[in-house]
Amino acid sequence: MTPYQCLAPFDWSALLTLIQTEFAFMEGRIDPPSSMHRLTAAAIAEQAAQAEVWAIGTPPIACVFLTAKPGALYIGKLAVAAPHRGQGLARHLIDLAERRARALGLPALELQTRVELVENQATFRALGFVETGRTAHTGYAQPTSVTFRRPLAPTV
């Protein structure tokens, strides 16, 4: 299962369905609701045009969005279809993100997850990420998101 970059023309609705299906468990667990509710196939196509979208499988069974930011490659919308979990697909996509960060000259990976999603936090810690901060969505007094970062080890 090799990751491939999603480029136009592509079935963006298949990626949207994957993300919506795999993020559905958050419904009622996180506040505010996931940005996934505002995501469209056109927005995914725009992400692919402006940054990067990668997937595994046809139709996609795993995906990730990668966006270069100052000082880090930001990982977003990491999703693995439930029947395919436990096969290392998320790790493959994180490894891909590390290769892409190196290719872009970026020294770290960064991502965010919601405060309530402690199982996601445990997974990211197991993948070598460390918590670097907490932020609140507009209108919230308490933190709603946890930021994680993984510095890239120097290559020899």
N, C-alpha and C. Protein backbone atom coordinates (compact mmCIF):
# COMPACT_ATOMS: atom_id res chain seq x y z
N MET A 1 0.84 -1.19 0.00
CA MET A 1 0.00 0.00 0.00
C MET A 1 0.88 1.25 0.00
N THR A 2 1.13 1.74 -1.17
CA THR A 2 2.00 2.90 -1.34
C THR A 2 1.18 4.18 -1.44
N PRO A 3 1.54 5.20 -0.65
CA PRO A 3 0.84 6.49 -0.77
C PRO A 3 1.10 7.11 -2.14
N TYR A 4 0.08 7.78 -2.66
CA TYR A 4 0.22 8.51 -3.91
C TYR A 4 -0.38 9.90 -3.73
N GLN A 5 0.19 10.87 -4.45
CA GLN A 5 -0.32 12.23 -4.38
C GLN A 5 -1.57 12.34 -5.23
N CYS A 6 -2.60 12.94 -4.66
CA CYS A 6 -3.87 13.12 -5.37
C CYS A 6 -3.79 14.41 -6.19
N LEU A 7 -3.86 14.26 -7.50
CA LEU A 7 -3.80 15.39 -8.42
C LEU A 7 -4.99 15.35 -9.35
N ALA A 8 -5.41 16.52 -9.81
CA ALA A 8 -6.53 16.60 -10.73
C ALA A 8 -6.15 15.95 -12.05
N PRO A 9 -7.05 15.23 -12.69
CA PRO A 9 -8.42 14.95 -12.23
C PRO A 9 -8.38 13.81 -11.19
N PHE A 10 -9.25 13.92 -10.19
CA PHE A 10 -9.30 12.93 -9.12
C PHE A 10 -10.72 12.88 -8.60
N ASP A 11 -11.08 11.77 -8.00
CA ASP A 11 -12.41 11.61 -7.40
C ASP A 11 -12.38 12.23 -6.00
N TRP A 12 -12.46 13.55 -5.95
CA TRP A 12 -12.39 14.27 -4.67
C TRP A 12 -13.54 13.86 -3.74
N SER A 13 -14.66 13.48 -4.30
CA SER A 13 -15.80 13.08 -3.45
C SER A 13 -15.49 11.78 -2.70
N ALA A 14 -14.64 10.93 -3.26
CA ALA A 14 -14.25 9.70 -2.55
C ALA A 14 -13.43 10.05 -1.30
N LEU A 15 -12.56 11.05 -1.41
CA LEU A 15 -11.81 11.49 -0.24
C LEU A 15 -12.73 12.15 0.78
N LEU A 16 -13.66 12.96 0.30
CA LEU A 16 -14.61 13.59 1.20
C LEU A 16 -15.41 12.54 1.97
N THR A 17 -15.87 11.52 1.29
CA THR A 17 -16.62 10.45 1.94
C THR A 17 -15.77 9.74 2.99
N LEU A 18 -14.51 9.44 2.66
CA LEU A 18 -13.60 8.81 3.62
C LEU A 18 -13.46 9.67 4.87
N ILE A 19 -13.19 10.95 4.70
CA ILE A 19 -13.00 11.85 5.84
C ILE A 19 -14.29 11.96 6.65
N GLN A 20 -15.41 12.16 5.99
CA GLN A 20 -16.68 12.28 6.71
C GLN A 20 -17.00 11.01 7.49
N THR A 21 -16.77 9.86 6.89
CA THR A 21 -17.05 8.59 7.56
C THR A 21 -16.14 8.39 8.77
N GLU A 22 -14.85 8.66 8.59
CA GLU A 22 -13.90 8.37 9.67
C GLU A 22 -13.86 9.45 10.75
N PHE A 23 -14.38 10.62 10.45
CA PHE A 23 -14.47 11.67 11.47
C PHE A 23 -15.83 11.69 12.16
N ALA A 24 -16.76 10.85 11.72
CA ALA A 24 -18.12 10.86 12.27
C ALA A 24 -18.15 10.54 13.76
N PHE A 25 -17.18 9.76 14.26
CA PHE A 25 -17.16 9.39 15.67
C PHE A 25 -17.01 10.61 16.58
N MET A 26 -16.54 11.73 16.03
CA MET A 26 -16.36 12.95 16.83
C MET A 26 -17.67 13.66 17.12
N GLU A 27 -18.68 13.36 16.31
CA GLU A 27 -19.98 14.03 16.45
C GLU A 27 -20.48 13.88 17.88
N GLY A 28 -20.76 14.99 18.50
CA GLY A 28 -21.24 14.97 19.88
C GLY A 28 -20.15 14.84 20.93
N ARG A 29 -18.91 14.58 20.49
CA ARG A 29 -17.79 14.45 21.43
C ARG A 29 -16.97 15.72 21.53
N ILE A 30 -16.90 16.47 20.42
CA ILE A 30 -16.04 17.65 20.41
C ILE A 30 -16.90 18.91 20.28
N ASP A 31 -16.39 19.96 20.88
CA ASP A 31 -17.06 21.26 20.82
C ASP A 31 -15.99 22.32 20.65
N PRO A 32 -16.04 23.11 19.55
CA PRO A 32 -17.07 23.17 18.53
C PRO A 32 -16.98 21.96 17.59
N PRO A 33 -18.03 21.78 16.76
CA PRO A 33 -18.04 20.67 15.81
C PRO A 33 -16.85 20.73 14.84
N SER A 34 -16.51 19.60 14.28
CA SER A 34 -15.38 19.47 13.37
C SER A 34 -15.53 20.35 12.13
N SER A 35 -14.40 20.85 11.65
CA SER A 35 -14.38 21.60 10.39
C SER A 35 -14.74 20.70 9.21
N MET A 36 -14.76 19.41 9.45
CA MET A 36 -15.14 18.44 8.42
C MET A 36 -16.54 18.75 7.89
N HIS A 37 -17.39 19.36 8.73
CA HIS A 37 -18.75 19.69 8.31
C HIS A 37 -18.77 20.76 7.21
N ARG A 38 -17.71 21.57 7.13
CA ARG A 38 -17.62 22.60 6.10
C ARG A 38 -16.81 22.15 4.89
N LEU A 39 -16.21 20.98 4.98
CA LEU A 39 -15.35 20.48 3.92
C LEU A 39 -16.20 20.04 2.72
N THR A 40 -15.71 20.37 1.54
CA THR A 40 -16.38 19.97 0.29
C THR A 40 -15.36 19.31 -0.63
N ALA A 41 -15.86 18.63 -1.64
CA ALA A 41 -14.96 18.04 -2.65
C ALA A 41 -14.15 19.14 -3.32
N ALA A 42 -14.78 20.29 -3.57
CA ALA A 42 -14.06 21.42 -4.19
C ALA A 42 -12.96 21.94 -3.27
N ALA A 43 -13.20 21.96 -1.98
CA ALA A 43 -12.17 22.42 -1.03
C ALA A 43 -10.99 21.45 -0.99
N ILE A 44 -11.27 20.16 -1.12
CA ILE A 44 -10.19 19.17 -1.17
C ILE A 44 -9.37 19.37 -2.45
N ALA A 45 -10.04 19.61 -3.56
CA ALA A 45 -9.35 19.88 -4.81
C ALA A 45 -8.46 21.11 -4.68
N GLU A 46 -8.97 22.13 -4.00
CA GLU A 46 -8.19 23.35 -3.77
C GLU A 46 -6.97 23.07 -2.88
N GLN A 47 -7.16 22.25 -1.83
CA GLN A 47 -6.04 21.85 -0.98
C GLN A 47 -4.97 21.16 -1.81
N ALA A 48 -5.39 20.28 -2.70
CA ALA A 48 -4.44 19.55 -3.56
C ALA A 48 -3.71 20.50 -4.51
N ALA A 49 -4.39 21.54 -4.96
CA ALA A 49 -3.78 22.50 -5.88
C ALA A 49 -2.82 23.45 -5.16
N GLN A 50 -3.17 23.84 -3.95
CA GLN A 50 -2.38 24.82 -3.20
C GLN A 50 -1.32 24.19 -2.31
N ALA A 51 -1.52 22.95 -1.88
CA ALA A 51 -0.59 22.27 -0.99
C ALA A 51 -0.51 20.81 -1.46
N GLU A 52 -0.78 19.85 -0.58
CA GLU A 52 -0.70 18.45 -0.99
C GLU A 52 -1.80 17.63 -0.34
N VAL A 53 -2.31 16.67 -1.09
CA VAL A 53 -3.24 15.67 -0.59
C VAL A 53 -2.68 14.32 -1.04
N TRP A 54 -2.59 13.39 -0.10
CA TRP A 54 -2.06 12.06 -0.39
C TRP A 54 -3.08 11.02 0.05
N ALA A 55 -3.06 9.88 -0.61
CA ALA A 55 -3.99 8.80 -0.28
C ALA A 55 -3.30 7.45 -0.44
N ILE A 56 -3.95 6.46 0.12
CA ILE A 56 -3.56 5.06 -0.05
C ILE A 56 -4.81 4.32 -0.50
N GLY A 57 -4.66 3.49 -1.53
CA GLY A 57 -5.77 2.67 -2.00
C GLY A 57 -6.62 3.35 -3.06
N THR A 58 -7.30 2.49 -3.84
CA THR A 58 -8.24 2.96 -4.85
C THR A 58 -9.47 2.07 -4.77
N PRO A 59 -10.58 2.58 -4.29
CA PRO A 59 -10.79 3.93 -3.78
C PRO A 59 -9.97 4.15 -2.51
N PRO A 60 -9.80 5.42 -2.10
CA PRO A 60 -8.95 5.73 -0.95
C PRO A 60 -9.43 5.07 0.34
N ILE A 61 -8.48 4.44 1.04
CA ILE A 61 -8.76 3.87 2.36
C ILE A 61 -8.02 4.63 3.46
N ALA A 62 -7.16 5.56 3.05
CA ALA A 62 -6.43 6.41 3.99
C ALA A 62 -6.02 7.68 3.25
N CYS A 63 -5.94 8.78 4.00
CA CYS A 63 -5.52 10.04 3.37
C CYS A 63 -4.91 10.98 4.40
N VAL A 64 -4.24 12.00 3.87
CA VAL A 64 -3.67 13.05 4.71
C VAL A 64 -3.50 14.30 3.86
N PHE A 65 -3.68 15.45 4.49
CA PHE A 65 -3.41 16.75 3.87
C PHE A 65 -2.09 17.24 4.44
N LEU A 66 -1.22 17.79 3.60
CA LEU A 66 0.07 18.34 4.02
C LEU A 66 0.17 19.78 3.54
N THR A 67 0.52 20.68 4.47
CA THR A 67 0.63 22.10 4.14
C THR A 67 1.92 22.65 4.73
N ALA A 68 2.77 23.20 3.88
CA ALA A 68 4.01 23.83 4.36
C ALA A 68 3.66 25.12 5.08
N LYS A 69 4.19 25.25 6.29
CA LYS A 69 4.02 26.47 7.09
C LYS A 69 5.41 26.88 7.55
N PRO A 70 5.57 28.10 8.02
CA PRO A 70 6.90 28.50 8.50
C PRO A 70 7.37 27.57 9.63
N GLY A 71 8.46 26.87 9.39
CA GLY A 71 9.07 26.04 10.42
C GLY A 71 8.53 24.64 10.57
N ALA A 72 7.49 24.26 9.81
CA ALA A 72 6.95 22.90 9.95
C ALA A 72 6.04 22.55 8.77
N LEU A 73 5.90 21.25 8.56
CA LEU A 73 4.91 20.76 7.62
C LEU A 73 3.70 20.37 8.45
N TYR A 74 2.56 21.02 8.16
CA TYR A 74 1.34 20.79 8.93
C TYR A 74 0.59 19.60 8.36
N ILE A 75 0.21 18.69 9.24
CA ILE A 75 -0.52 17.49 8.89
C ILE A 75 -1.99 17.70 9.26
N GLY A 76 -2.87 17.53 8.28
CA GLY A 76 -4.29 17.68 8.55
C GLY A 76 -5.09 16.55 7.93
N LYS A 77 -6.29 16.39 8.42
CA LYS A 77 -7.27 15.44 7.89
C LYS A 77 -6.69 14.03 7.67
N LEU A 78 -5.89 13.58 8.63
CA LEU A 78 -5.37 12.21 8.59
C LEU A 78 -6.53 11.27 8.90
N ALA A 79 -6.84 10.38 7.96
CA ALA A 79 -7.96 9.45 8.13
C ALA A 79 -7.60 8.09 7.59
N VAL A 80 -7.99 7.05 8.31
CA VAL A 80 -7.83 5.66 7.87
C VAL A 80 -9.17 4.97 8.05
N ALA A 81 -9.65 4.34 7.00
CA ALA A 81 -10.93 3.61 7.06
C ALA A 81 -10.87 2.54 8.14
N ALA A 82 -11.91 2.45 8.94
CA ALA A 82 -11.96 1.54 10.09
C ALA A 82 -11.54 0.10 9.76
N PRO A 83 -12.01 -0.48 8.66
CA PRO A 83 -11.61 -1.87 8.38
C PRO A 83 -10.11 -2.05 8.11
N HIS A 84 -9.40 -0.95 7.89
CA HIS A 84 -7.99 -1.02 7.53
C HIS A 84 -7.07 -0.51 8.63
N ARG A 85 -7.62 -0.20 9.78
CA ARG A 85 -6.80 0.28 10.90
C ARG A 85 -5.97 -0.87 11.45
N GLY A 86 -4.87 -0.51 12.09
CA GLY A 86 -3.99 -1.51 12.68
C GLY A 86 -3.03 -2.12 11.67
N GLN A 87 -3.00 -1.60 10.46
CA GLN A 87 -2.11 -2.11 9.42
C GLN A 87 -0.92 -1.19 9.16
N GLY A 88 -0.80 -0.13 9.96
CA GLY A 88 0.32 0.79 9.80
C GLY A 88 0.12 1.87 8.76
N LEU A 89 -1.10 2.06 8.28
CA LEU A 89 -1.33 3.04 7.22
C LEU A 89 -1.11 4.47 7.72
N ALA A 90 -1.55 4.78 8.93
CA ALA A 90 -1.31 6.12 9.48
C ALA A 90 0.20 6.36 9.62
N ARG A 91 0.92 5.35 10.08
CA ARG A 91 2.38 5.46 10.19
C ARG A 91 3.00 5.69 8.82
N HIS A 92 2.52 4.99 7.79
CA HIS A 92 3.04 5.20 6.43
C HIS A 92 2.83 6.66 6.00
N LEU A 93 1.66 7.21 6.32
CA LEU A 93 1.38 8.59 5.92
C LEU A 93 2.21 9.59 6.74
N ILE A 94 2.47 9.30 8.00
CA ILE A 94 3.34 10.16 8.81
C ILE A 94 4.78 10.07 8.29
N ASP A 95 5.22 8.87 7.93
CA ASP A 95 6.57 8.71 7.34
C ASP A 95 6.67 9.49 6.03
N LEU A 96 5.61 9.44 5.24
CA LEU A 96 5.56 10.23 4.00
C LEU A 96 5.68 11.72 4.33
N ALA A 97 4.94 12.17 5.34
CA ALA A 97 4.99 13.58 5.73
C ALA A 97 6.42 13.97 6.12
N GLU A 98 7.12 13.07 6.81
CA GLU A 98 8.51 13.37 7.17
C GLU A 98 9.37 13.51 5.91
N ARG A 99 9.21 12.61 4.96
CA ARG A 99 9.98 12.72 3.71
C ARG A 99 9.66 14.01 2.98
N ARG A 100 8.38 14.38 2.94
CA ARG A 100 7.98 15.62 2.27
C ARG A 100 8.55 16.84 3.00
N ALA A 101 8.53 16.83 4.33
CA ALA A 101 9.08 17.94 5.10
C ALA A 101 10.57 18.10 4.79
N ARG A 102 11.28 17.00 4.76
CA ARG A 102 12.72 17.06 4.43
C ARG A 102 12.92 17.62 3.03
N ALA A 103 12.12 17.16 2.07
CA ALA A 103 12.24 17.63 0.69
C ALA A 103 11.96 19.12 0.60
N LEU A 104 11.10 19.63 1.47
CA LEU A 104 10.75 21.05 1.48
C LEU A 104 11.67 21.88 2.38
N GLY A 105 12.64 21.22 3.02
CA GLY A 105 13.57 21.92 3.89
C GLY A 105 12.96 22.35 5.21
N LEU A 106 11.93 21.66 5.66
CA LEU A 106 11.26 22.01 6.91
C LEU A 106 11.77 21.11 8.03
N PRO A 107 12.00 21.67 9.24
CA PRO A 107 12.64 20.92 10.31
C PRO A 107 11.70 20.11 11.21
N ALA A 108 10.38 20.17 10.99
CA ALA A 108 9.47 19.51 11.91
C ALA A 108 8.13 19.21 11.25
N LEU A 109 7.40 18.32 11.90
CA LEU A 109 6.01 18.05 11.55
C LEU A 109 5.15 18.65 12.65
N GLU A 110 3.96 19.12 12.28
CA GLU A 110 3.05 19.68 13.28
C GLU A 110 1.63 19.27 12.95
N LEU A 111 0.82 19.10 13.98
CA LEU A 111 -0.59 18.78 13.79
C LEU A 111 -1.36 19.21 15.02
N GLN A 112 -2.67 19.19 14.89
CA GLN A 112 -3.55 19.49 16.01
C GLN A 112 -4.62 18.42 16.10
N THR A 113 -5.05 18.17 17.32
CA THR A 113 -6.19 17.31 17.56
C THR A 113 -7.01 17.95 18.67
N ARG A 114 -8.21 17.51 18.84
CA ARG A 114 -9.09 18.11 19.84
C ARG A 114 -8.76 17.59 21.23
N VAL A 115 -9.01 18.43 22.20
CA VAL A 115 -8.76 18.12 23.61
C VAL A 115 -9.49 16.83 24.01
N GLU A 116 -10.71 16.65 23.53
CA GLU A 116 -11.52 15.50 23.93
C GLU A 116 -11.02 14.18 23.33
N LEU A 117 -10.24 14.23 22.29
CA LEU A 117 -9.85 13.01 21.56
C LEU A 117 -8.55 12.44 22.12
N VAL A 118 -8.64 11.96 23.35
CA VAL A 118 -7.44 11.46 24.05
C VAL A 118 -6.82 10.26 23.34
N GLU A 119 -7.63 9.46 22.64
CA GLU A 119 -7.07 8.32 21.91
C GLU A 119 -6.22 8.79 20.74
N ASN A 120 -6.61 9.88 20.08
CA ASN A 120 -5.79 10.45 19.01
C ASN A 120 -4.48 11.00 19.60
N GLN A 121 -4.59 11.65 20.74
CA GLN A 121 -3.39 12.19 21.38
C GLN A 121 -2.41 11.06 21.71
N ALA A 122 -2.91 9.94 22.21
CA ALA A 122 -2.05 8.79 22.53
C ALA A 122 -1.38 8.25 21.27
N THR A 123 -2.13 8.19 20.19
CA THR A 123 -1.56 7.71 18.93
C THR A 123 -0.44 8.62 18.46
N PHE A 124 -0.66 9.94 18.52
CA PHE A 124 0.37 10.86 18.05
C PHE A 124 1.60 10.81 18.95
N ARG A 125 1.41 10.65 20.23
CA ARG A 125 2.57 10.49 21.13
C ARG A 125 3.35 9.23 20.75
N ALA A 126 2.63 8.14 20.47
CA ALA A 126 3.29 6.89 20.08
C ALA A 126 4.05 7.04 18.77
N LEU A 127 3.64 8.00 17.94
CA LEU A 127 4.33 8.26 16.67
C LEU A 127 5.45 9.29 16.82
N GLY A 128 5.79 9.64 18.07
CA GLY A 128 6.92 10.52 18.32
C GLY A 128 6.61 12.00 18.43
N PHE A 129 5.34 12.36 18.47
CA PHE A 129 4.95 13.76 18.61
C PHE A 129 4.90 14.14 20.08
N VAL A 130 5.22 15.40 20.37
CA VAL A 130 5.12 15.92 21.74
C VAL A 130 4.19 17.12 21.73
N GLU A 131 3.43 17.24 22.80
CA GLU A 131 2.52 18.38 22.92
C GLU A 131 3.33 19.65 23.09
N THR A 132 2.97 20.67 22.31
CA THR A 132 3.67 21.95 22.39
C THR A 132 2.76 23.11 22.77
N GLY A 133 1.46 22.86 22.83
CA GLY A 133 0.57 23.94 23.21
C GLY A 133 -0.89 23.54 23.10
N ARG A 134 -1.72 24.43 23.61
CA ARG A 134 -3.17 24.26 23.52
C ARG A 134 -3.76 25.59 23.10
N THR A 135 -4.77 25.52 22.24
CA THR A 135 -5.41 26.74 21.75
C THR A 135 -6.92 26.59 21.88
N ALA A 136 -7.59 27.73 21.88
CA ALA A 136 -9.05 27.75 21.95
C ALA A 136 -9.62 28.31 20.66
N HIS A 137 -10.67 27.70 20.16
CA HIS A 137 -11.39 28.26 19.03
C HIS A 137 -12.02 29.58 19.44
N THR A 138 -12.28 30.43 18.48
CA THR A 138 -12.91 31.73 18.73
C THR A 138 -14.20 31.54 19.52
N GLY A 139 -14.32 32.31 20.61
CA GLY A 139 -15.51 32.26 21.44
C GLY A 139 -15.44 31.27 22.59
N TYR A 140 -14.32 30.55 22.71
CA TYR A 140 -14.16 29.56 23.78
C TYR A 140 -13.09 30.03 24.76
N ALA A 141 -13.40 29.97 26.05
CA ALA A 141 -12.46 30.40 27.08
C ALA A 141 -11.43 29.32 27.39
N GLN A 142 -11.82 28.05 27.24
CA GLN A 142 -10.94 26.93 27.54
C GLN A 142 -10.33 26.38 26.25
N PRO A 143 -9.15 25.75 26.35
CA PRO A 143 -8.56 25.15 25.15
C PRO A 143 -9.48 24.11 24.52
N THR A 144 -9.51 24.10 23.21
CA THR A 144 -10.30 23.13 22.45
C THR A 144 -9.41 22.23 21.58
N SER A 145 -8.17 22.65 21.36
CA SER A 145 -7.24 21.89 20.51
C SER A 145 -5.88 21.75 21.19
N VAL A 146 -5.23 20.64 20.87
CA VAL A 146 -3.87 20.37 21.37
C VAL A 146 -2.96 20.36 20.15
N THR A 147 -1.87 21.12 20.22
CA THR A 147 -0.88 21.15 19.14
C THR A 147 0.24 20.18 19.48
N PHE A 148 0.61 19.36 18.50
CA PHE A 148 1.71 18.41 18.63
C PHE A 148 2.76 18.72 17.57
N ARG A 149 4.01 18.44 17.92
CA ARG A 149 5.12 18.70 17.00
C ARG A 149 6.10 17.54 17.10
N ARG A 150 6.72 17.24 15.98
CA ARG A 150 7.76 16.22 15.96
C ARG A 150 8.94 16.78 15.16
N PRO A 151 10.00 17.18 15.87
CA PRO A 151 11.20 17.64 15.16
C PRO A 151 11.79 16.49 14.35
N LEU A 152 12.36 16.80 13.22
CA LEU A 152 12.97 15.78 12.39
C LEU A 152 14.43 15.62 12.78
N ALA A 153 14.82 14.38 12.98
CA ALA A 153 16.22 14.09 13.32
C ALA A 153 17.07 14.44 12.11
N PRO A 154 18.26 14.99 12.35
CA PRO A 154 19.16 15.29 11.23
C PRO A 154 19.50 14.02 10.46
N THR A 155 19.63 14.14 9.15
CA THR A 155 20.02 12.99 8.33
C THR A 155 21.54 12.94 8.29
N VAL A 156 22.05 11.75 8.16
CA VAL A 156 23.49 11.57 8.14
C VAL A 156 24.01 11.30 6.76
